[in-house]
């Protein structure tokens, strides 16, 4: 009896719940009659569309310059029609870069499907790109600045035979090699001190335009291990100060005088109190240093100074004499040519080109005769202690360490390798 009563109570309590479900399922006063359905068709006015002719479409094409290519062969590969190719060749006959194409560079052209040449763009390097645009039946030629991007390159090499061979093997551009020699000229005599097994690592800017190498930039850091002794140089440009190259502890690598006024050469005759003169056939003092170098090699000012003499002077042939502070002077003899505009009284800076190697005067072959004088007396420049320029000031040392941190890290990463990286 009790169980039956319990079942009825459960059933009665469930009735409201079922009612709520029904209430939500069917809305009040809902009609169950079938709703009328009406089909509506409207006419839409669409604009008239004319399909474009392939002949009106323009395309950008590019072609890599291969060895032996001419502008005519490139235009042919790019699909330019004969009429426009002939017109283009006529209009660029006096444009030198178009006749001295550089292998590995790229020619970009805009043309139609019918082969009509509309525009040609060529970036041979440097900071300007050549743009040739069609105007009527002719092509208008202009130079436009190329958008340059800076990449950082890191290269390392070992000297097995010569500095030239090591630099070429590492793929270091000539201008970067020249900077290395200039930067470390006060620390290393590149004519006499190099040994097999010496190593170098260099970090430098490389400029790119249109995705192609434009030109190498400034050396940011360099390490040269010479006879087991490491020499490091870091570029630093302080605010309101003179930029330059410094050792990792902030000492200035710039000396009052360069160790050598030539980039690459060898000493053919040193400073001596007695030397047999090859022309005069007598023994006499040789109060200077002779650097053997090819005719035309660049001769640089060993220090800041003023031109005291520029012209012909007896056995010296064409000679430049520079006067420096503190009673010092330097002599550069047997030159084949002087720097353009060089004249007496002109100020020159250390490292500035003042002439070219030659064999004028009493010389048996092309070389530079270099003298270092103090109060008019010749001295051996390889034995004179040269004063250094000012170091990084104490107030700039924190920014110096921060500025050169990444360069130091790159040198540390490449130490002991012979690899080339592009960052």
Protein backbone atom coordinates (compact mmCIF):
# COMPACT_ATOMS: atom_id res chain seq x y z
CA UNK A 1 0.00 0.00 0.00
CA UNK A 2 2.80 2.38 0.87
CA UNK A 3 4.66 1.64 -2.40
CA UNK A 4 1.50 2.29 -4.50
CA UNK A 5 0.98 5.65 -2.78
CA UNK A 6 4.60 6.62 -3.46
CA UNK A 7 4.26 5.88 -7.21
CA UNK A 8 1.15 8.10 -7.45
CA UNK A 9 2.89 10.96 -5.70
CA UNK A 10 5.80 10.79 -8.17
CA UNK A 11 3.40 10.75 -11.14
CA UNK A 12 1.40 13.75 -9.91
CA UNK A 13 4.55 15.77 -9.20
CA UNK A 14 5.79 15.18 -12.81
CA UNK A 15 2.68 16.57 -14.54
CA UNK A 16 3.72 20.31 -14.25
CA UNK A 17 7.08 19.54 -15.83
CA UNK A 18 5.47 17.96 -18.89
CA UNK A 19 3.21 20.99 -19.15
CA UNK A 20 6.15 23.36 -19.28
CA UNK A 21 7.76 21.41 -22.07
CA UNK A 22 4.54 21.58 -24.06
CA UNK A 23 4.24 25.32 -23.43
CA UNK A 24 7.71 25.94 -24.87
CA UNK A 25 7.16 23.64 -27.81
CA UNK A 26 3.94 25.29 -29.11
CA UNK A 27 3.25 29.00 -28.90
CA UNK A 28 -0.31 30.08 -27.90
CA UNK A 29 -2.77 30.83 -30.74
CA UNK A 30 -0.51 29.15 -33.32
CA UNK A 31 -2.32 28.33 -36.56
CA UNK A 32 -1.58 24.99 -38.05
CA UNK A 33 -2.86 25.95 -41.49
CA UNK A 34 -0.31 25.85 -44.38
CA UNK A 35 1.34 29.23 -45.00
CA UNK A 36 1.20 30.60 -48.57
CA UNK A 37 4.45 30.59 -50.52
CA UNK A 38 5.05 33.14 -53.31
CA UNK A 39 7.97 32.99 -55.81
CA UNK A 40 9.46 36.37 -56.75
CA UNK A 41 11.86 36.80 -59.73
CA UNK A 42 13.63 40.16 -60.22
CA UNK A 43 15.80 41.21 -63.19
CA UNK A 44 19.24 42.61 -62.19
CA UNK A 45 21.04 44.96 -64.54
CA UNK A 46 24.77 44.06 -64.65
CA UNK A 47 27.43 46.33 -66.20
CA UNK A 48 28.81 45.16 -69.49
CA UNK A 49 32.25 43.58 -69.06
CA UNK A 50 34.76 43.53 -71.92
CA UNK A 51 37.48 40.87 -71.63
CA UNK A 52 40.97 42.37 -71.71
CA UNK A 53 43.10 41.59 -74.69
CA UNK A 54 46.38 39.79 -73.96
CA UNK A 55 48.10 42.39 -76.12
CA UNK A 56 47.26 45.12 -73.58
CA UNK A 57 48.75 43.28 -70.61
CA UNK A 58 52.20 44.19 -69.29
CA UNK A 59 54.70 41.90 -67.60
CA UNK A 60 57.87 42.23 -65.55
CA UNK A 61 60.63 39.91 -66.59
CA UNK A 62 64.22 39.56 -65.43
CA UNK A 63 67.31 37.88 -66.80
CA UNK A 64 70.64 37.15 -65.12
CA UNK A 65 73.71 38.39 -67.02
CA UNK A 66 75.97 35.51 -68.01
CA UNK A 67 79.57 35.66 -69.16
CA UNK A 68 79.73 36.81 -72.79
CA UNK A 69 76.24 38.32 -72.78
CA UNK A 70 75.51 41.55 -74.65
CA UNK A 71 72.49 43.78 -74.24
CA UNK A 72 71.25 42.47 -77.61
CA UNK A 73 71.32 38.82 -76.47
CA UNK A 74 69.60 39.75 -73.19
CA UNK A 75 66.80 41.61 -74.98
CA UNK A 76 66.30 38.57 -77.20
CA UNK A 77 66.02 36.23 -74.18
CA UNK A 78 63.60 38.68 -72.56
CA UNK A 79 61.28 38.47 -75.57
CA UNK A 80 61.65 42.09 -76.74
CA UNK A 81 60.56 42.49 -80.37
CA UNK A 82 63.11 43.38 -83.05
CA UNK A 83 61.79 46.92 -83.61
CA UNK A 84 62.10 47.97 -79.96
CA UNK A 85 65.39 46.13 -79.54
CA UNK A 86 66.88 48.09 -82.47
CA UNK A 87 65.55 51.39 -81.09
CA UNK A 88 66.91 50.62 -77.63
CA UNK A 89 70.37 49.69 -78.93
CA UNK A 90 70.45 52.92 -80.92
CA UNK A 91 69.53 55.10 -77.93
CA UNK A 92 72.02 53.47 -75.51
CA UNK A 93 75.01 53.35 -77.83
CA UNK A 94 76.79 56.01 -75.70
CA UNK A 95 75.73 54.56 -72.33
CA UNK A 96 78.91 52.89 -71.10
CA UNK A 97 77.36 50.48 -68.51
CA UNK A 98 75.18 48.97 -71.24
CA UNK A 99 78.32 47.88 -73.10
CA UNK A 100 80.21 46.72 -70.01
CA UNK A 101 77.68 44.37 -68.44
CA UNK A 102 78.70 42.73 -65.17
CA UNK A 103 78.27 38.96 -64.93
CA UNK A 104 75.94 37.92 -62.14
CA UNK A 105 73.90 41.14 -62.18
CA UNK A 106 70.26 41.17 -63.27
CA UNK A 107 68.39 43.11 -65.97
CA UNK A 108 64.72 43.89 -65.23
CA UNK A 109 62.32 44.85 -68.05
CA UNK A 110 58.66 45.75 -68.31
CA UNK A 111 57.12 44.72 -71.64
CA UNK A 112 53.83 43.78 -73.27
CA UNK A 113 52.77 40.34 -74.44
CA UNK A 114 53.61 41.47 -77.97
CA UNK A 115 57.22 42.17 -76.94
CA UNK A 116 57.01 45.97 -76.77
CA UNK A 117 59.72 47.23 -74.40
CA UNK A 118 58.33 49.79 -71.96
CA UNK A 119 61.06 50.10 -69.33
CA UNK A 120 64.45 48.59 -68.51
CA UNK A 121 66.18 48.79 -65.13
CA UNK A 122 69.81 47.88 -64.48
CA UNK A 123 71.77 48.22 -61.25
CA UNK A 124 75.49 47.82 -61.97
CA UNK A 125 76.45 48.67 -58.37
CA UNK A 126 77.33 51.79 -56.44
CA UNK A 127 74.41 53.96 -55.40
CA UNK A 128 72.69 54.70 -58.74
CA UNK A 129 70.57 52.49 -60.98
CA UNK A 130 70.04 53.05 -64.70
CA UNK A 131 66.41 53.39 -65.81
CA UNK A 132 65.52 53.49 -69.52
CA UNK A 133 61.86 54.27 -70.19
CA UNK A 134 60.10 54.36 -73.54
CA UNK A 135 58.83 57.77 -74.63
CA UNK A 136 57.24 57.72 -78.08
CA UNK A 137 59.63 55.91 -80.38
CA UNK A 138 62.70 56.64 -78.26
CA UNK A 139 64.03 55.63 -74.85
CA UNK A 140 64.70 58.24 -72.16
CA UNK A 141 67.68 57.36 -69.97
CA UNK A 142 68.04 58.48 -66.36
CA UNK A 143 69.99 57.62 -63.24
CA UNK A 144 67.92 57.10 -60.13
CA UNK A 145 69.12 56.50 -56.58
CA UNK A 146 68.93 52.86 -55.60
CA UNK A 147 67.42 51.99 -52.24
CA UNK A 148 70.37 50.56 -50.34
CA UNK A 149 70.17 48.13 -47.45
CA UNK A 150 73.01 47.34 -45.05
CA UNK A 151 74.04 43.77 -44.27
CA UNK A 152 76.84 42.73 -41.96
CA UNK A 153 79.39 40.31 -43.37
CA UNK A 154 81.94 38.31 -41.40
CA UNK A 155 84.92 36.62 -43.03
CA UNK A 156 88.03 34.86 -41.84
CA UNK A 157 91.17 33.53 -43.48
CA UNK A 158 94.66 32.12 -43.00
CA UNK A 159 97.87 33.30 -44.67
CA UNK A 160 99.56 30.36 -46.38
CA UNK A 161 101.55 32.15 -49.06
CA UNK A 162 100.72 35.86 -49.11
CA UNK A 163 98.22 38.37 -47.79
CA UNK A 164 96.86 38.82 -51.34
CA UNK A 165 96.12 35.10 -51.71
CA UNK A 166 94.50 34.84 -48.26
CA UNK A 167 92.27 37.85 -48.91
CA UNK A 168 91.18 36.52 -52.30
CA UNK A 169 90.55 33.04 -50.89
CA UNK A 170 88.32 34.47 -48.13
CA UNK A 171 86.36 36.55 -50.65
CA UNK A 172 87.25 39.84 -48.99
CA UNK A 173 86.76 42.87 -51.29
CA UNK A 174 89.85 44.93 -52.13
CA UNK A 175 88.48 48.04 -50.43
CA UNK A 176 87.96 46.10 -47.18
CA UNK A 177 91.49 44.66 -47.40
CA UNK A 178 92.83 48.20 -47.82
CA UNK A 179 90.93 49.29 -44.72
CA UNK A 180 92.38 46.40 -42.70
CA UNK A 181 95.91 47.43 -43.63
CA UNK A 182 95.20 51.10 -42.86
CA UNK A 183 93.55 50.33 -39.51
CA UNK A 184 96.38 48.12 -38.25
CA UNK A 185 99.24 49.93 -40.00
CA UNK A 186 100.48 51.32 -36.66
CA UNK A 187 100.54 47.83 -35.08
CA UNK A 188 101.73 45.56 -37.90
CA UNK A 189 104.26 46.16 -40.66
CA UNK A 190 102.47 44.33 -43.48
CA UNK A 191 105.66 44.43 -45.58
CA UNK A 192 107.95 42.67 -43.11
CA UNK A 193 106.02 41.15 -40.19
CA UNK A 194 103.67 38.67 -41.88
CA UNK A 195 104.26 34.94 -41.40
CA UNK A 196 102.68 31.76 -42.73
CA UNK A 197 99.85 30.75 -40.40
CA UNK A 198 98.86 34.30 -39.49
CA UNK A 199 95.07 34.64 -39.32
CA UNK A 200 92.57 37.43 -39.79
CA UNK A 201 88.88 37.93 -39.07
CA UNK A 202 86.94 40.93 -40.31
CA UNK A 203 83.40 42.23 -39.74
CA UNK A 204 82.19 44.87 -42.18
CA UNK A 205 79.12 46.53 -43.66
CA UNK A 206 78.00 45.47 -47.12
CA UNK A 207 75.48 47.56 -49.05
CA UNK A 208 72.80 45.94 -51.22
CA UNK A 209 70.51 47.55 -53.79
CA UNK A 210 67.50 45.78 -55.35
CA UNK A 211 68.65 42.62 -53.60
CA UNK A 212 72.06 42.73 -55.32
CA UNK A 213 75.47 43.59 -53.81
CA UNK A 214 76.20 47.28 -54.36
CA UNK A 215 79.51 47.91 -52.63
CA UNK A 216 81.34 47.06 -49.42
CA UNK A 217 81.14 49.59 -46.62
CA UNK A 218 83.07 50.32 -43.46
CA UNK A 219 85.04 47.79 -41.43
CA UNK A 220 83.35 47.45 -38.02
CA UNK A 221 85.87 45.15 -36.38
CA UNK A 222 89.00 43.24 -37.28
CA UNK A 223 91.33 40.80 -35.57
CA UNK A 224 94.73 39.95 -37.01
CA UNK A 225 96.85 37.30 -35.28
CA UNK A 226 100.42 38.08 -36.31
CA UNK A 227 103.16 35.69 -35.15
CA UNK A 228 100.86 34.46 -32.39
CA UNK A 229 100.00 37.94 -31.10
CA UNK A 230 96.37 39.04 -31.56
CA UNK A 231 95.63 42.62 -32.62
CA UNK A 232 92.00 43.76 -32.41
CA UNK A 233 90.45 46.96 -33.71
CA UNK A 234 86.89 48.16 -33.12
CA UNK A 235 85.13 51.04 -34.85
CA UNK A 236 83.55 53.61 -32.52
CA UNK A 237 81.80 56.88 -33.29
CA UNK A 238 81.16 58.77 -30.03
CA UNK A 239 78.62 61.56 -29.85
CA UNK A 240 80.28 64.94 -30.41
CA UNK A 241 83.60 63.19 -30.89
CA UNK A 242 85.95 61.96 -33.60
CA UNK A 243 85.26 58.45 -34.87
CA UNK A 244 88.07 55.97 -35.23
CA UNK A 245 89.41 52.51 -34.43
CA UNK A 246 90.31 51.48 -30.91
CA UNK A 247 91.58 48.46 -29.00
CA UNK A 248 89.03 46.57 -26.84
CA UNK A 249 90.13 48.62 -23.81
CA UNK A 250 89.66 51.95 -25.63
CA UNK A 251 93.20 52.82 -26.75
CA UNK A 252 93.39 54.71 -30.05
CA UNK A 253 95.06 52.74 -32.85
CA UNK A 254 95.80 55.85 -34.84
CA UNK A 255 99.43 56.91 -34.56
CA UNK A 256 100.93 60.23 -35.54
CA UNK A 257 102.66 58.47 -38.49
CA UNK A 258 101.79 55.38 -40.53
CA UNK A 259 104.30 52.55 -40.45
CA UNK A 260 104.29 52.57 -44.27
CA UNK A 261 103.01 55.02 -46.92
CA UNK A 262 102.02 52.15 -49.26
CA UNK A 263 99.17 49.65 -48.95
CA UNK A 264 100.93 46.54 -50.25
CA UNK A 265 104.57 46.27 -51.21
CA UNK A 266 107.90 44.98 -49.95
CA UNK A 267 111.02 46.76 -48.73
CA UNK A 268 113.68 46.46 -51.42
CA UNK A 269 116.29 48.55 -49.64
CA UNK A 270 116.31 49.54 -45.98
CA UNK A 271 117.78 52.41 -44.00
CA UNK A 272 121.58 52.02 -44.07
CA UNK A 273 124.77 53.99 -43.45
CA UNK A 274 126.47 52.23 -46.38
CA UNK A 275 124.81 50.85 -49.50
CA UNK A 276 126.18 50.22 -52.98
CA UNK A 277 124.28 52.60 -55.26
CA UNK A 278 123.08 50.69 -58.37
CA UNK A 279 123.44 53.74 -60.67
CA UNK A 280 126.37 55.68 -59.20
CA UNK A 281 128.32 52.42 -58.58
CA UNK A 282 129.66 53.76 -55.28
CA UNK A 283 129.09 53.03 -51.60
CA UNK A 284 127.05 55.69 -49.88
CA UNK A 285 124.49 56.08 -47.10
CA UNK A 286 120.88 55.25 -47.85
CA UNK A 287 118.95 57.53 -45.53
CA UNK A 288 115.52 56.23 -46.39
CA UNK A 289 113.53 53.12 -47.20
CA UNK A 290 112.77 51.88 -50.71
CA UNK A 291 109.45 50.11 -51.22
CA UNK A 292 109.23 47.99 -54.39
CA UNK A 293 105.79 48.41 -55.95
CA UNK A 294 104.27 48.53 -59.43
CA UNK A 295 104.04 51.80 -61.33
CA UNK A 296 100.84 53.58 -60.43
CA UNK A 297 100.50 52.14 -56.89
CA UNK A 298 98.96 54.72 -54.57
CA UNK A 299 101.28 56.62 -52.21
CA UNK A 300 99.70 57.97 -49.01
CA UNK A 301 100.62 60.75 -46.64
CA UNK A 302 102.17 59.18 -43.54
CA UNK A 303 100.67 61.87 -41.29
CA UNK A 304 98.66 65.08 -41.27
CA UNK A 305 100.73 67.89 -42.71
CA UNK A 306 101.32 70.62 -45.27
CA UNK A 307 102.87 70.26 -48.73
CA UNK A 308 106.29 71.92 -48.51
CA UNK A 309 107.37 70.90 -52.03
CA UNK A 310 105.83 69.15 -55.02
CA UNK A 311 107.81 68.82 -58.25
CA UNK A 312 111.11 67.65 -59.74
CA UNK A 313 114.21 67.54 -57.54
CA UNK A 314 117.39 65.96 -58.94
CA UNK A 315 117.87 62.28 -58.16
CA UNK A 316 114.53 62.13 -56.36
CA UNK A 317 112.74 62.74 -59.66
CA UNK A 318 109.14 63.70 -58.99
CA UNK A 319 109.00 64.20 -55.24
CA UNK A 320 106.58 65.37 -52.56
CA UNK A 321 107.85 66.73 -49.24
CA UNK A 322 105.38 67.12 -46.38
CA UNK A 323 105.94 69.22 -43.28
CA UNK A 324 104.40 67.93 -40.03
CA UNK A 325 104.05 69.28 -36.51
CA UNK A 326 106.91 68.96 -34.06
CA UNK A 327 109.74 69.41 -36.56
CA UNK A 328 108.94 66.24 -38.52
CA UNK A 329 108.87 65.97 -42.32
CA UNK A 330 108.50 63.11 -44.81
CA UNK A 331 109.79 62.67 -48.38
CA UNK A 332 108.22 60.61 -51.20
CA UNK A 333 110.49 60.22 -54.24
CA UNK A 334 110.55 58.74 -57.78
CA UNK A 335 106.80 59.31 -58.27
CA UNK A 336 105.22 58.76 -61.67
CA UNK A 337 102.42 61.25 -60.96
CA UNK A 338 101.10 63.62 -58.32
CA UNK A 339 97.61 63.64 -56.86
CA UNK A 340 95.34 65.96 -58.80
CA UNK A 341 95.46 69.51 -57.47
CA UNK A 342 98.36 68.86 -55.08
CA UNK A 343 100.34 72.08 -54.60
CA UNK A 344 102.63 73.81 -52.12
CA UNK A 345 100.89 74.98 -48.95
CA UNK A 346 97.97 72.55 -49.26
CA UNK A 347 96.87 70.68 -46.14
CA UNK A 348 96.75 66.87 -46.40
CA UNK A 349 95.39 64.28 -44.00
CA UNK A 350 96.98 61.05 -42.87
CA UNK A 351 96.25 58.31 -45.42
CA UNK A 352 95.34 60.76 -48.19
CA UNK A 353 96.73 59.79 -51.60
CA UNK A 354 99.44 62.25 -52.66
CA UNK A 355 100.92 60.48 -55.69
CA UNK A 356 101.71 57.25 -57.53
CA UNK A 357 104.75 54.99 -57.56
CA UNK A 358 107.13 55.48 -60.48
CA UNK A 359 110.79 55.33 -61.55
CA UNK A 360 111.64 59.00 -62.15
CA UNK A 361 115.03 60.44 -61.24
CA UNK A 362 117.85 58.08 -60.31
CA UNK A 363 115.86 54.84 -60.16
CA UNK A 364 116.50 51.49 -61.83
CA UNK A 365 112.87 50.43 -61.55
CA UNK A 366 109.52 51.43 -60.11
CA UNK A 367 109.64 51.94 -56.37
CA UNK A 368 108.98 54.54 -53.68
CA UNK A 369 111.87 56.18 -51.88
CA UNK A 370 110.57 57.24 -48.45
CA UNK A 371 112.39 59.38 -45.92
CA UNK A 372 111.44 60.29 -42.36
CA UNK A 373 113.16 63.44 -41.07
CA UNK A 374 113.34 65.14 -37.68
CA UNK A 375 114.64 68.72 -37.73
CA UNK A 376 115.98 68.06 -41.22
CA UNK A 377 117.91 64.88 -40.29
CA UNK A 378 116.89 61.53 -41.78
CA UNK A 379 115.86 58.91 -39.23
CA UNK A 380 114.90 55.23 -39.59
CA UNK A 381 111.06 55.25 -39.34
CA UNK A 382 111.00 51.56 -38.35
CA UNK A 383 112.91 52.37 -35.14
CA UNK A 384 111.24 55.61 -34.10
CA UNK A 385 108.51 55.35 -31.45
CA UNK A 386 105.38 56.98 -32.79
CA UNK A 387 103.00 58.71 -30.35
CA UNK A 388 99.38 57.55 -30.31
CA UNK A 389 96.27 59.66 -30.64
CA UNK A 390 93.93 60.23 -27.69
CA UNK A 391 92.09 57.18 -26.29
CA UNK A 392 88.36 56.96 -25.64
CA UNK A 393 87.57 59.50 -22.92
CA UNK A 394 86.41 58.06 -19.55
CA UNK A 395 82.96 59.59 -19.97
CA UNK A 396 82.51 57.76 -23.29
CA UNK A 397 83.82 54.36 -22.09
CA UNK A 398 80.38 52.95 -21.08
CA UNK A 399 78.90 53.79 -24.49
CA UNK A 400 82.08 52.45 -26.16
CA UNK A 401 81.67 49.05 -24.49
CA UNK A 402 77.97 48.95 -25.38
CA UNK A 403 78.61 50.10 -28.98
CA UNK A 404 81.30 47.46 -29.62
CA UNK A 405 79.67 44.54 -27.75
CA UNK A 406 78.16 42.96 -30.88
CA UNK A 407 81.40 43.38 -32.86
CA UNK A 408 83.40 41.69 -30.11
CA UNK A 409 80.89 38.81 -30.05
CA UNK A 410 81.25 38.31 -33.81
CA UNK A 411 85.04 38.24 -33.58
CA UNK A 412 84.85 35.70 -30.75
CA UNK A 413 82.46 33.55 -32.80
CA UNK A 414 84.76 33.47 -35.83
CA UNK A 415 88.06 33.03 -33.99
CA UNK A 416 89.69 29.83 -35.18
CA UNK A 417 87.46 29.42 -38.24
CA UNK A 418 87.99 29.96 -41.95
CA UNK A 419 84.37 30.51 -42.86
CA UNK A 420 82.40 33.36 -44.40
CA UNK A 421 79.00 34.41 -43.04
CA UNK A 422 76.30 36.81 -44.10
CA UNK A 423 74.20 38.20 -41.27
